[in-house]
């Protein structure tokens, strides 16, 4: 039951962010706004509330299913991708490096706060 409550919280947060972004005409995706908002909240709060943790754990088990639509699309447009292989490789490499750098930065922030000391 906690998992459903946590998932509902995530859905409400994304819905609220969509509404605020639509009213303010800010060119930001709601999911990105929610991630930043959660990062700020968790930094201030210092830990993950049990309800959010249960929801995140449930969603994390379903995470591999998110890769099915992109794989289907890659198969559908493989000829186009093969003609633009250099651009594709650059885009994938750049996005992976940015994602890894951001993940490492956030991990270091939380690890430092959790242990109470600087992580080198």
N, C-alpha and C. Protein backbone atom coordinates (compact mmCIF):
# COMPACT_ATOMS: atom_id res chain seq x y z
N UNK A 1 0.81 -1.19 0.00
CA UNK A 1 0.00 0.00 0.00
C UNK A 1 0.86 1.26 0.00
N UNK A 2 2.00 1.18 0.72
CA UNK A 2 2.91 2.33 0.73
C UNK A 2 3.41 2.63 -0.68
N UNK A 3 3.67 1.57 -1.44
CA UNK A 3 4.18 1.75 -2.80
C UNK A 3 3.20 2.54 -3.64
N UNK A 4 1.92 2.21 -3.53
CA UNK A 4 0.90 2.93 -4.30
C UNK A 4 0.84 4.39 -3.87
N UNK A 5 0.94 4.62 -2.57
CA UNK A 5 0.94 6.00 -2.07
C UNK A 5 2.13 6.79 -2.60
N UNK A 6 3.31 6.16 -2.63
CA UNK A 6 4.50 6.82 -3.16
C UNK A 6 4.38 7.12 -4.64
N UNK A 7 3.82 6.18 -5.39
CA UNK A 7 3.62 6.39 -6.83
C UNK A 7 2.62 7.52 -7.06
N UNK A 8 1.57 7.57 -6.26
CA UNK A 8 0.59 8.65 -6.38
C UNK A 8 1.24 10.00 -6.10
N UNK A 9 2.13 10.04 -5.12
CA UNK A 9 2.84 11.30 -4.84
C UNK A 9 3.65 11.73 -6.06
N UNK A 10 4.35 10.80 -6.70
CA UNK A 10 5.13 11.14 -7.90
C UNK A 10 4.21 11.66 -9.02
N UNK A 11 3.07 11.01 -9.20
CA UNK A 11 2.12 11.43 -10.25
C UNK A 11 1.58 12.83 -9.95
N UNK A 12 1.23 13.07 -8.69
CA UNK A 12 0.71 14.39 -8.30
C UNK A 12 1.78 15.46 -8.51
N UNK A 13 3.03 15.16 -8.15
CA UNK A 13 4.12 16.12 -8.34
C UNK A 13 4.30 16.47 -9.82
N UNK A 14 4.26 15.48 -10.68
CA UNK A 14 4.42 15.74 -12.12
C UNK A 14 3.22 16.53 -12.64
N UNK A 15 2.02 16.19 -12.19
CA UNK A 15 0.83 16.94 -12.60
C UNK A 15 0.89 18.39 -12.15
N UNK A 16 1.30 18.61 -10.91
CA UNK A 16 1.42 19.98 -10.39
C UNK A 16 2.49 20.75 -11.15
N UNK A 17 3.62 20.11 -11.41
CA UNK A 17 4.69 20.76 -12.16
C UNK A 17 4.22 21.10 -13.58
N UNK A 18 3.47 20.22 -14.20
CA UNK A 18 2.92 20.50 -15.54
C UNK A 18 2.02 21.72 -15.52
N UNK A 19 1.18 21.81 -14.51
CA UNK A 19 0.27 22.93 -14.38
C UNK A 19 1.02 24.24 -14.18
N UNK A 20 2.00 24.24 -13.28
CA UNK A 20 2.79 25.45 -13.00
C UNK A 20 3.58 25.87 -14.24
N UNK A 21 4.18 24.92 -14.91
CA UNK A 21 4.96 25.23 -16.11
C UNK A 21 4.07 25.77 -17.22
N UNK A 22 2.89 25.21 -17.36
CA UNK A 22 1.95 25.70 -18.38
C UNK A 22 1.51 27.13 -18.09
N UNK A 23 1.26 27.43 -16.82
CA UNK A 23 0.84 28.79 -16.44
C UNK A 23 1.97 29.80 -16.61
N UNK A 24 3.18 29.38 -16.31
CA UNK A 24 4.31 30.32 -16.34
C UNK A 24 5.02 30.36 -17.68
N UNK A 25 4.71 29.44 -18.57
CA UNK A 25 5.35 29.37 -19.90
C UNK A 25 6.86 29.19 -19.82
N UNK A 26 7.33 28.49 -18.83
CA UNK A 26 8.75 28.19 -18.69
C UNK A 26 9.08 26.98 -19.57
N UNK A 27 10.12 27.06 -20.39
CA UNK A 27 10.43 25.94 -21.29
C UNK A 27 11.21 24.82 -20.61
N UNK A 28 10.58 24.18 -19.62
CA UNK A 28 11.20 23.08 -18.87
C UNK A 28 10.22 21.92 -18.87
N UNK A 29 10.75 20.71 -19.02
CA UNK A 29 9.88 19.53 -18.94
C UNK A 29 9.47 19.30 -17.49
N UNK A 30 8.21 18.94 -17.25
CA UNK A 30 7.75 18.71 -15.88
C UNK A 30 8.56 17.65 -15.13
N UNK A 31 8.97 16.60 -15.82
CA UNK A 31 9.74 15.56 -15.13
C UNK A 31 11.08 16.10 -14.63
N UNK A 32 11.71 16.99 -15.40
CA UNK A 32 12.97 17.59 -14.97
C UNK A 32 12.72 18.51 -13.77
N UNK A 33 11.65 19.29 -13.82
CA UNK A 33 11.32 20.18 -12.71
C UNK A 33 11.07 19.38 -11.43
N UNK A 34 10.37 18.24 -11.55
CA UNK A 34 10.11 17.40 -10.38
C UNK A 34 11.41 16.81 -9.84
N UNK A 35 12.29 16.37 -10.71
CA UNK A 35 13.57 15.82 -10.24
C UNK A 35 14.38 16.87 -9.48
N UNK A 36 14.42 18.08 -10.00
CA UNK A 36 15.14 19.16 -9.32
C UNK A 36 14.45 19.48 -7.99
N UNK A 37 13.13 19.54 -8.01
CA UNK A 37 12.40 19.80 -6.77
C UNK A 37 12.63 18.72 -5.73
N UNK A 38 12.62 17.47 -6.16
CA UNK A 38 12.90 16.37 -5.22
C UNK A 38 14.33 16.44 -4.70
N UNK A 39 15.27 16.80 -5.56
CA UNK A 39 16.66 16.94 -5.11
C UNK A 39 16.77 17.99 -4.02
N UNK A 40 16.14 19.14 -4.24
CA UNK A 40 16.18 20.21 -3.23
C UNK A 40 15.50 19.75 -1.95
N UNK A 41 14.33 19.14 -2.06
CA UNK A 41 13.60 18.66 -0.88
C UNK A 41 14.42 17.64 -0.10
N UNK A 42 15.01 16.68 -0.82
CA UNK A 42 15.78 15.63 -0.13
C UNK A 42 17.05 16.18 0.49
N UNK A 43 17.66 17.18 -0.13
CA UNK A 43 18.85 17.81 0.48
C UNK A 43 18.47 18.52 1.76
N UNK A 44 17.33 19.19 1.77
CA UNK A 44 16.89 19.91 2.96
C UNK A 44 16.42 18.92 4.03
N UNK A 45 15.62 17.94 3.64
CA UNK A 45 15.06 16.96 4.57
C UNK A 45 16.12 16.02 5.12
N UNK A 46 17.12 15.69 4.30
CA UNK A 46 18.24 14.88 4.77
C UNK A 46 18.11 13.38 4.57
N UNK A 47 16.92 12.92 4.27
CA UNK A 47 16.73 11.48 4.01
C UNK A 47 15.47 11.31 3.16
N UNK A 48 15.30 10.10 2.66
CA UNK A 48 14.13 9.81 1.83
C UNK A 48 13.00 9.31 2.73
N UNK A 49 11.83 9.97 2.71
CA UNK A 49 10.71 9.48 3.51
C UNK A 49 10.30 8.07 3.07
N UNK A 50 9.79 7.30 4.00
CA UNK A 50 9.46 5.89 3.73
C UNK A 50 8.45 5.75 2.59
N UNK A 51 7.48 6.66 2.52
CA UNK A 51 6.47 6.58 1.47
C UNK A 51 7.08 6.78 0.09
N UNK A 52 7.96 7.76 -0.06
CA UNK A 52 8.64 7.97 -1.34
C UNK A 52 9.57 6.82 -1.68
N UNK A 53 10.23 6.28 -0.67
CA UNK A 53 11.15 5.16 -0.88
C UNK A 53 10.40 3.94 -1.41
N UNK A 54 9.25 3.65 -0.82
CA UNK A 54 8.45 2.50 -1.27
C UNK A 54 7.97 2.69 -2.71
N UNK A 55 7.52 3.90 -3.03
CA UNK A 55 7.08 4.17 -4.41
C UNK A 55 8.21 4.08 -5.40
N UNK A 56 9.36 4.64 -5.03
CA UNK A 56 10.52 4.59 -5.93
C UNK A 56 11.00 3.16 -6.15
N UNK A 57 11.01 2.36 -5.10
CA UNK A 57 11.43 0.96 -5.25
C UNK A 57 10.49 0.19 -6.17
N UNK A 58 9.20 0.45 -6.07
CA UNK A 58 8.24 -0.21 -6.96
C UNK A 58 8.46 0.20 -8.41
N UNK A 59 8.65 1.50 -8.63
CA UNK A 59 8.88 1.99 -9.99
C UNK A 59 10.21 1.49 -10.54
N UNK A 60 11.20 1.38 -9.67
CA UNK A 60 12.52 0.95 -10.12
C UNK A 60 12.49 -0.49 -10.65
N UNK A 61 11.64 -1.33 -10.08
CA UNK A 61 11.51 -2.70 -10.59
C UNK A 61 10.93 -2.73 -12.00
N UNK A 62 10.14 -1.72 -12.34
CA UNK A 62 9.53 -1.63 -13.67
C UNK A 62 10.39 -0.85 -14.66
N UNK A 63 11.49 -0.30 -14.21
CA UNK A 63 12.34 0.56 -15.02
C UNK A 63 12.79 -0.06 -16.35
N UNK A 64 13.17 -1.34 -16.39
CA UNK A 64 13.58 -1.91 -17.69
C UNK A 64 12.51 -1.85 -18.77
N UNK A 65 11.24 -1.79 -18.38
CA UNK A 65 10.17 -1.69 -19.38
C UNK A 65 10.21 -0.38 -20.16
N UNK A 66 10.87 0.62 -19.61
CA UNK A 66 10.98 1.91 -20.30
C UNK A 66 11.85 1.83 -21.54
N UNK A 67 12.66 0.79 -21.66
CA UNK A 67 13.56 0.66 -22.80
C UNK A 67 12.90 -0.02 -24.00
N UNK A 68 11.73 -0.60 -23.84
CA UNK A 68 11.08 -1.30 -24.94
C UNK A 68 10.67 -0.34 -26.07
N UNK A 69 9.98 0.78 -25.80
CA UNK A 69 9.61 1.67 -26.92
C UNK A 69 10.82 2.21 -27.70
N UNK A 70 11.91 2.64 -27.04
CA UNK A 70 13.06 3.10 -27.85
C UNK A 70 13.65 2.00 -28.72
N UNK A 71 13.68 0.78 -28.23
CA UNK A 71 14.23 -0.32 -29.04
C UNK A 71 13.34 -0.57 -30.26
N UNK A 72 12.04 -0.52 -30.08
CA UNK A 72 11.12 -0.70 -31.20
C UNK A 72 11.34 0.42 -32.22
N UNK A 73 11.53 1.64 -31.74
CA UNK A 73 11.75 2.77 -32.65
C UNK A 73 13.06 2.63 -33.40
N UNK A 74 14.10 2.17 -32.74
CA UNK A 74 15.40 1.98 -33.40
C UNK A 74 15.26 0.96 -34.53
N UNK A 75 14.53 -0.10 -34.29
CA UNK A 75 14.33 -1.11 -35.33
C UNK A 75 13.51 -0.52 -36.48
N UNK A 76 12.53 0.33 -36.16
CA UNK A 76 11.67 0.91 -37.19
C UNK A 76 12.42 1.89 -38.09
N UNK A 77 13.39 2.60 -37.56
CA UNK A 77 14.11 3.62 -38.36
C UNK A 77 15.59 3.27 -38.52
N UNK A 78 15.92 2.00 -38.56
CA UNK A 78 17.33 1.59 -38.60
C UNK A 78 18.05 2.10 -39.84
N UNK A 79 17.37 2.20 -40.98
CA UNK A 79 18.03 2.70 -42.19
C UNK A 79 18.46 4.15 -42.02
N UNK A 80 17.59 4.96 -41.44
CA UNK A 80 17.92 6.36 -41.18
C UNK A 80 19.07 6.48 -40.20
N UNK A 81 19.06 5.64 -39.17
CA UNK A 81 20.13 5.67 -38.18
C UNK A 81 21.47 5.26 -38.78
N UNK A 82 21.45 4.29 -39.67
CA UNK A 82 22.70 3.85 -40.28
C UNK A 82 23.32 4.92 -41.17
N UNK A 83 22.49 5.77 -41.78
CA UNK A 83 23.04 6.84 -42.62
C UNK A 83 23.59 7.99 -41.79
N UNK A 84 23.17 8.13 -40.54
CA UNK A 84 23.63 9.21 -39.66
C UNK A 84 24.33 8.65 -38.42
N UNK A 85 25.16 7.64 -38.60
CA UNK A 85 25.78 6.95 -37.48
C UNK A 85 26.66 7.87 -36.63
N UNK A 86 27.43 8.76 -37.25
CA UNK A 86 28.33 9.64 -36.49
C UNK A 86 27.53 10.56 -35.57
N UNK A 87 26.47 11.14 -36.07
CA UNK A 87 25.64 12.03 -35.25
C UNK A 87 24.97 11.25 -34.11
N UNK A 88 24.53 10.05 -34.42
CA UNK A 88 23.91 9.21 -33.40
C UNK A 88 24.91 8.86 -32.30
N UNK A 89 26.10 8.43 -32.67
CA UNK A 89 27.13 8.09 -31.68
C UNK A 89 27.51 9.29 -30.83
N UNK A 90 27.64 10.45 -31.44
CA UNK A 90 27.96 11.65 -30.68
C UNK A 90 26.85 11.98 -29.69
N UNK A 91 25.61 11.93 -30.12
CA UNK A 91 24.48 12.27 -29.25
C UNK A 91 24.38 11.29 -28.08
N UNK A 92 24.54 10.01 -28.36
CA UNK A 92 24.45 9.00 -27.30
C UNK A 92 25.61 9.16 -26.32
N UNK A 93 26.81 9.36 -26.83
CA UNK A 93 27.99 9.51 -25.97
C UNK A 93 27.87 10.76 -25.10
N UNK A 94 27.49 11.87 -25.70
CA UNK A 94 27.37 13.12 -24.94
C UNK A 94 26.29 13.00 -23.86
N UNK A 95 25.15 12.44 -24.20
CA UNK A 95 24.09 12.33 -23.20
C UNK A 95 24.47 11.36 -22.08
N UNK A 96 25.16 10.28 -22.41
CA UNK A 96 25.61 9.34 -21.37
C UNK A 96 26.62 10.00 -20.44
N UNK A 97 27.56 10.74 -21.00
CA UNK A 97 28.57 11.41 -20.17
C UNK A 97 27.93 12.46 -19.27
N UNK A 98 27.00 13.23 -19.80
CA UNK A 98 26.31 14.22 -18.97
C UNK A 98 25.49 13.55 -17.87
N UNK A 99 24.82 12.46 -18.21
CA UNK A 99 24.05 11.73 -17.20
C UNK A 99 24.93 11.13 -16.12
N UNK A 100 26.06 10.57 -16.51
CA UNK A 100 26.99 10.00 -15.53
C UNK A 100 27.59 11.08 -14.63
N UNK A 101 27.96 12.20 -15.22
CA UNK A 101 28.53 13.29 -14.43
C UNK A 101 27.52 13.84 -13.43
N UNK A 102 26.28 13.99 -13.86
CA UNK A 102 25.23 14.48 -12.97
C UNK A 102 24.95 13.47 -11.86
N UNK A 103 24.90 12.19 -12.21
CA UNK A 103 24.67 11.15 -11.20
C UNK A 103 25.80 11.11 -10.18
N UNK A 104 27.03 11.23 -10.63
CA UNK A 104 28.18 11.23 -9.72
C UNK A 104 28.13 12.43 -8.79
N UNK A 105 27.79 13.59 -9.34
CA UNK A 105 27.70 14.80 -8.52
C UNK A 105 26.64 14.65 -7.44
N UNK A 106 25.46 14.16 -7.81
CA UNK A 106 24.38 14.00 -6.84
C UNK A 106 24.74 12.93 -5.81
N UNK A 107 25.38 11.84 -6.24
CA UNK A 107 25.80 10.81 -5.30
C UNK A 107 26.77 11.39 -4.27
N UNK A 108 27.72 12.17 -4.74
CA UNK A 108 28.70 12.76 -3.81
C UNK A 108 28.01 13.69 -2.81
N UNK A 109 27.01 14.45 -3.27
CA UNK A 109 26.29 15.32 -2.35
C UNK A 109 25.61 14.52 -1.24
N UNK A 110 24.91 13.47 -1.64
CA UNK A 110 24.20 12.66 -0.64
C UNK A 110 25.16 11.86 0.23
N UNK A 111 26.22 11.34 -0.34
CA UNK A 111 27.19 10.58 0.45
C UNK A 111 27.85 11.47 1.48
N UNK A 112 28.19 12.69 1.09
CA UNK A 112 28.81 13.63 2.01
C UNK A 112 27.87 13.96 3.16
N UNK A 113 26.62 14.17 2.83
CA UNK A 113 25.66 14.52 3.88
C UNK A 113 25.37 13.34 4.80
N UNK A 114 25.33 12.14 4.22
CA UNK A 114 25.02 10.95 5.01
C UNK A 114 26.15 10.61 5.98
N UNK A 115 27.38 10.72 5.52
CA UNK A 115 28.52 10.36 6.35
C UNK A 115 29.00 11.53 7.21
N UNK A 116 28.57 12.73 6.86
CA UNK A 116 28.97 13.88 7.64
C UNK A 116 30.40 14.31 7.39
N UNK A 117 30.99 13.85 6.30
CA UNK A 117 32.35 14.24 5.98
C UNK A 117 32.50 14.38 4.49
N UNK A 118 33.57 14.93 4.06
CA UNK A 118 33.83 15.18 2.65
C UNK A 118 34.27 13.88 1.97
N UNK A 119 33.65 13.56 0.83
CA UNK A 119 34.02 12.39 0.04
C UNK A 119 35.00 12.83 -1.04
N UNK A 120 36.15 12.18 -1.11
CA UNK A 120 37.15 12.55 -2.13
C UNK A 120 37.25 11.53 -3.21
